[in-house]
Amino acid sequence: MCGHLLLDPGPALLRAALLLLLLSGCSMDKGFTGLPPPGDLLLATQGCARANPFNPTVLSVGVPLDVTQVDVTLEVVRTQIDMVFGAGKYPRNYFSFNPHPGLQRVRVGPSSNAPLTPGTWEVRLHSLAGPSGVCEQDDEASADWRLWVSRAREPQGVRLLDESCDSPDCAVPGCVTPGNCPPRIYTLDVPEDAVSLEISLESPQGDADLWVRTASGEELLGSMNPGPGFDIVHAEGEACAALRGQTLTLVLESWAEATTEYRLSAVYLSGQI
């Protein structure tokens, strides 16, 4: 099953047409702040949004033999850009949608539905809102987007939550009817000084998805990944400040089969906004 909760769905017709190109699998995740160490970088670049969403910016990245897990991070400075990542030409393995500027992340590793393998992988950036009119191709300061691909590392910060399951007793029950899935529930208290919050669900088995809701039930963030792999959501800056002091409800739902193996973690950074 594939989808992503967005409070603003964006250009529906363009998004639906793009989805038709990506029916073989997907992963939708939020991003994070800060460039990784230079030794971890496999690709770092920036550019301008294009006028035609079906004429994407295409970037190739070589995955070395010694890299087993990567993070693909897209920072959208202005306009609206969606990302597709996968092996070979016309990748359809993973994608990330967001109707607003901000950071998006896709993480791929050995436990992902389409495992990371050495060789050439491809990133495609689809500009659904067209060019910004501000960006100049050779001017880094005016870029509409910045992208980097790097070795994946454990997130830095204070760990608020670290729950692991390897038993039917804590399993996420299987579901075959969308909207009527028996969930596994966790809660998370957001510190008053949080400026960045990352919540990660890793499931090497099953098909668990991650949703973040307020105590009143409002859905804030969501990530759905078909099959095993990672689901990551992220809030930072003003978006994170709005969550300070709140108790969030973390909802895990599993499509088709029960997920009996998973790790749910949350890390935050403190500071001033």
Protein backbone atom coordinates (compact mmCIF):
# COMPACT_ATOMS: atom_id res chain seq x y z
CA MET A 1 0.00 0.00 0.00
CA CYS A 2 1.28 3.45 -0.87
CA GLY A 3 0.33 6.98 0.12
CA HIS A 4 1.20 10.02 2.24
CA LEU A 5 -0.96 12.24 4.39
CA LEU A 6 -0.64 15.89 3.34
CA LEU A 7 -2.67 18.70 4.90
CA ASP A 8 -2.59 20.41 1.50
CA PRO A 9 -2.82 17.90 -1.41
CA GLY A 10 -1.23 20.24 -3.97
CA PRO A 11 -2.00 20.02 -7.71
CA ALA A 12 -4.15 16.90 -7.67
CA LEU A 13 -4.15 16.12 -11.39
CA LEU A 14 -0.39 16.40 -11.76
CA ARG A 15 0.18 14.38 -8.62
CA ALA A 16 -2.21 11.67 -9.76
CA ALA A 17 -0.50 11.45 -13.13
CA LEU A 18 2.91 11.17 -11.47
CA LEU A 19 1.58 8.45 -9.18
CA LEU A 20 0.61 6.39 -12.21
CA LEU A 21 4.29 6.28 -13.13
CA LEU A 22 5.26 4.97 -9.69
CA LEU A 23 2.92 2.08 -8.96
CA SER A 24 5.63 -0.51 -8.34
CA GLY A 25 6.52 0.76 -4.84
CA CYS A 26 7.20 3.83 -2.79
CA SER A 27 8.60 5.33 0.35
CA MET A 28 7.71 8.81 1.53
CA ASP A 29 9.63 10.45 4.23
CA LYS A 30 10.55 13.79 5.74
CA GLY A 31 14.07 15.23 5.81
CA PHE A 32 16.58 16.60 8.30
CA THR A 33 18.81 19.61 8.82
CA GLY A 34 22.54 19.83 8.21
CA LEU A 35 25.00 18.52 5.66
CA PRO A 36 26.65 15.20 6.55
CA PRO A 37 30.45 14.97 6.93
CA PRO A 38 32.32 15.30 3.60
CA GLY A 39 33.54 11.70 3.81
CA ASP A 40 29.93 10.47 3.88
CA LEU A 41 28.77 12.46 0.84
CA LEU A 42 28.09 10.58 -2.39
CA LEU A 43 26.43 13.52 -4.16
CA ALA A 44 25.76 17.17 -3.34
CA THR A 45 24.21 19.59 -5.82
CA GLN A 46 21.57 22.29 -6.28
CA GLY A 47 19.46 23.70 -9.08
CA CYS A 48 16.31 25.38 -10.38
CA ALA A 49 12.75 24.08 -10.62
CA ARG A 50 11.64 23.17 -14.15
CA ALA A 51 8.51 24.31 -15.96
CA ASN A 52 7.28 20.84 -16.96
CA PRO A 53 6.70 18.29 -14.14
CA PHE A 54 7.05 15.45 -16.66
CA ASN A 55 10.49 16.68 -17.71
CA PRO A 56 12.29 16.15 -14.39
CA THR A 57 15.82 16.97 -13.35
CA VAL A 58 17.69 13.65 -13.51
CA LEU A 59 20.73 12.98 -11.32
CA SER A 60 22.84 9.82 -11.10
CA VAL A 61 24.67 8.65 -7.99
CA GLY A 62 27.12 5.79 -7.71
CA VAL A 63 26.74 3.57 -4.65
CA PRO A 64 30.11 2.00 -3.68
CA LEU A 65 30.52 -1.58 -2.53
CA ASP A 66 31.15 -0.55 1.10
CA VAL A 67 27.94 1.53 1.44
CA THR A 68 25.00 -0.47 2.80
CA GLN A 69 22.57 2.33 3.68
CA VAL A 70 21.99 5.82 2.23
CA ASP A 71 19.99 8.92 3.03
CA VAL A 72 18.68 10.98 0.11
CA THR A 73 17.80 14.46 1.34
CA LEU A 74 16.06 17.15 -0.68
CA GLU A 75 15.86 20.72 0.64
CA VAL A 76 13.19 22.66 -1.26
CA VAL A 77 13.88 26.37 -0.79
CA ARG A 78 10.88 27.61 -2.79
CA THR A 79 8.12 26.30 -5.09
CA GLN A 80 7.06 22.61 -4.94
CA ILE A 81 9.31 19.70 -5.91
CA ASP A 82 8.74 15.97 -5.49
CA MET A 83 11.51 13.36 -5.46
CA VAL A 84 11.77 9.85 -6.90
CA PHE A 85 14.72 7.56 -6.10
CA GLY A 86 15.61 4.09 -7.28
CA ALA A 87 17.96 1.79 -9.16
CA GLY A 88 18.49 2.22 -12.90
CA LYS A 89 16.66 4.48 -15.34
CA TYR A 90 13.08 5.56 -14.62
CA PRO A 91 13.25 4.63 -10.92
CA ARG A 92 10.01 3.78 -9.15
CA ASN A 93 11.26 2.30 -5.90
CA TYR A 94 10.92 5.24 -3.50
CA PHE A 95 9.42 8.71 -3.63
CA SER A 96 8.71 11.71 -1.42
CA PHE A 97 5.89 14.24 -1.88
CA ASN A 98 5.51 17.55 -0.07
CA PRO A 99 3.42 20.54 -1.26
CA HIS A 100 5.50 23.02 0.73
CA PRO A 101 9.14 24.12 0.89
CA GLY A 102 11.19 22.21 3.44
CA LEU A 103 13.22 19.06 3.83
CA GLN A 104 12.37 15.58 2.58
CA ARG A 105 14.29 12.37 3.17
CA VAL A 106 14.31 8.87 1.77
CA ARG A 107 16.42 6.22 3.52
CA VAL A 108 17.33 2.94 1.83
CA GLY A 109 19.20 0.06 3.40
CA PRO A 110 19.55 -3.72 3.35
CA SER A 111 16.16 -4.22 5.03
CA SER A 112 14.27 -1.96 2.62
CA ASN A 113 11.64 -3.30 0.25
CA ALA A 114 14.04 -2.70 -2.67
CA PRO A 115 17.41 -3.20 -0.89
CA LEU A 116 20.36 -0.94 -1.57
CA THR A 117 22.86 -2.52 -3.95
CA PRO A 118 26.16 -1.24 -5.38
CA GLY A 119 25.91 0.49 -8.74
CA THR A 120 24.15 3.47 -10.28
CA TRP A 121 20.97 4.79 -8.68
CA GLU A 122 18.94 7.69 -9.99
CA VAL A 123 17.20 10.70 -8.45
CA ARG A 124 14.42 12.46 -10.38
CA LEU A 125 13.06 15.82 -9.24
CA HIS A 126 9.59 16.74 -10.53
CA SER A 127 8.65 20.43 -10.28
CA LEU A 128 4.88 20.39 -9.81
CA ALA A 129 4.52 24.16 -9.28
CA GLY A 130 6.82 25.27 -12.11
CA PRO A 131 9.83 27.60 -11.92
CA SER A 132 10.13 30.15 -9.14
CA GLY A 133 11.34 32.98 -11.37
CA VAL A 134 14.07 33.72 -8.83
CA CYS A 135 16.58 30.93 -9.42
CA GLU A 136 19.60 31.34 -11.69
CA GLN A 137 21.25 28.09 -12.75
CA ASP A 138 24.82 29.13 -11.92
CA ASP A 139 23.98 31.05 -8.73
CA GLU A 140 24.08 28.74 -5.71
CA ALA A 141 22.54 31.38 -3.43
CA SER A 142 19.36 31.57 -5.54
CA ALA A 143 18.82 27.81 -5.91
CA ASP A 144 15.25 26.48 -5.72
CA TRP A 145 16.48 23.17 -4.31
CA ARG A 146 19.53 21.48 -2.82
CA LEU A 147 20.08 17.74 -2.76
CA TRP A 148 22.59 15.47 -1.10
CA VAL A 149 23.03 11.71 -0.97
CA SER A 150 25.13 10.30 1.84
CA ARG A 151 25.90 7.26 3.92
CA ALA A 152 23.15 6.95 6.51
CA ARG A 153 24.15 7.55 10.11
CA GLU A 154 22.32 7.45 13.43
CA PRO A 155 20.65 10.86 13.96
CA GLN A 156 22.37 13.18 16.41
CA GLY A 157 20.56 14.53 19.46
CA VAL A 158 18.79 13.45 22.61
CA ARG A 159 16.87 10.20 22.31
CA LEU A 160 13.30 10.55 23.57
CA LEU A 161 12.04 7.13 22.58
CA ASP A 162 13.57 3.79 21.66
CA GLU A 163 11.14 0.86 21.49
CA SER A 164 11.95 -2.48 19.89
CA CYS A 165 9.70 -5.44 19.16
CA ASP A 166 10.54 -9.01 18.23
CA SER A 167 7.49 -10.84 19.49
CA PRO A 168 3.79 -11.35 18.68
CA ASP A 169 3.04 -9.71 22.06
CA CYS A 170 4.01 -6.25 20.74
CA ALA A 171 3.21 -6.83 17.05
CA VAL A 172 1.35 -4.36 14.85
CA PRO A 173 -1.77 -6.28 13.72
CA GLY A 174 -2.33 -6.86 10.01
CA CYS A 175 -5.01 -4.86 8.19
CA VAL A 176 -6.84 -5.30 4.88
CA THR A 177 -9.32 -2.39 5.08
CA PRO A 178 -7.80 1.13 4.84
CA GLY A 179 -9.16 3.44 7.52
CA ASN A 180 -10.12 0.55 9.76
CA CYS A 181 -6.77 -0.83 10.88
CA PRO A 182 -6.11 -2.01 14.46
CA PRO A 183 -3.11 0.10 15.51
CA ARG A 184 -0.22 -0.20 17.94
CA ILE A 185 -0.07 3.08 19.90
CA TYR A 186 2.85 4.91 21.52
CA THR A 187 3.02 8.41 23.00
CA LEU A 188 5.80 10.99 22.83
CA ASP A 189 6.25 14.14 24.94
CA VAL A 190 7.92 16.93 22.94
CA PRO A 191 10.33 19.02 25.07
CA GLU A 192 9.75 22.76 25.40
CA ASP A 193 13.13 23.56 23.84
CA ALA A 194 12.87 21.29 20.76
CA VAL A 195 13.96 22.81 17.45
CA SER A 196 14.18 19.55 15.49
CA LEU A 197 12.36 16.24 15.93
CA GLU A 198 12.89 13.03 13.96
CA ILE A 199 10.74 9.93 14.45
CA SER A 200 11.89 6.76 12.73
CA LEU A 201 10.25 3.37 12.27
CA GLU A 202 12.44 0.56 10.98
CA SER A 203 10.68 -2.72 10.20
CA PRO A 204 12.77 -5.53 8.67
CA GLN A 205 9.62 -7.63 8.40
CA GLY A 206 5.98 -6.90 7.60
CA ASP A 207 4.55 -3.62 6.27
CA ALA A 208 4.19 -1.19 9.18
CA ASP A 209 3.40 2.49 8.54
CA LEU A 210 3.87 5.50 10.82
CA TRP A 211 1.39 8.28 11.64
CA VAL A 212 1.83 11.17 14.08
CA ARG A 213 -1.25 12.74 15.65
CA THR A 214 -2.03 15.32 18.32
CA ALA A 215 -3.74 14.28 21.54
CA SER A 216 -7.03 15.41 19.98
CA GLY A 217 -6.53 13.12 16.98
CA GLU A 218 -5.37 15.64 14.34
CA GLU A 219 -2.97 13.94 11.93
CA LEU A 220 0.23 15.95 11.51
CA LEU A 221 2.71 13.70 9.72
CA GLY A 222 2.68 10.32 8.04
CA SER A 223 4.93 7.91 6.18
CA MET A 224 3.86 4.77 4.32
CA ASN A 225 6.35 2.30 2.91
CA PRO A 226 5.29 -0.86 1.05
CA GLY A 227 6.93 -3.84 2.68
CA PRO A 228 9.94 -3.79 5.00
CA GLY A 229 12.17 -0.75 5.39
CA PHE A 230 12.14 2.73 6.92
CA ASP A 231 9.41 5.25 7.64
CA ILE A 232 10.73 8.62 8.81
CA VAL A 233 8.94 11.86 9.69
CA HIS A 234 10.59 15.09 10.68
CA ALA A 235 9.60 18.50 12.06
CA GLU A 236 11.96 21.42 12.52
CA GLY A 237 12.00 25.17 13.00
CA GLU A 238 8.56 26.72 13.36
CA ALA A 239 6.86 23.40 12.59
CA CYS A 240 8.70 21.83 15.52
CA ALA A 241 8.09 24.83 17.77
CA ALA A 242 4.33 24.33 17.30
CA LEU A 243 4.70 20.86 18.85
CA ARG A 244 6.59 21.97 21.97
CA GLY A 245 5.01 20.79 25.18
CA GLN A 246 2.55 18.53 23.39
CA THR A 247 2.04 14.83 23.88
CA LEU A 248 2.01 13.25 20.42
CA THR A 249 0.34 9.96 19.59
CA LEU A 250 2.43 7.67 17.39
CA VAL A 251 0.21 5.25 15.49
CA LEU A 252 1.64 2.15 13.82
CA GLU A 253 -0.51 0.31 11.27
CA SER A 254 0.50 -2.72 9.23
CA TRP A 255 -0.87 -3.52 5.80
CA ALA A 256 -1.97 -7.11 4.98
CA GLU A 257 0.25 -8.96 7.48
CA ALA A 258 1.23 -8.38 11.08
CA THR A 259 4.58 -6.71 11.74
CA THR A 260 6.28 -8.50 14.61
CA GLU A 261 9.77 -7.00 14.17
CA TYR A 262 10.34 -3.26 14.36
CA ARG A 263 12.20 -0.46 16.10
CA LEU A 264 10.53 2.89 16.82
CA SER A 265 12.78 5.77 17.89
CA ALA A 266 12.64 9.52 18.31
CA VAL A 267 15.51 12.01 18.59
CA TYR A 268 15.39 15.76 19.14
CA LEU A 269 17.73 18.74 19.11
CA SER A 270 17.28 21.66 21.51
CA GLY A 271 17.87 25.36 20.96
CA GLN A 272 16.29 28.69 20.12
CA ILE A 273 14.18 29.54 17.07
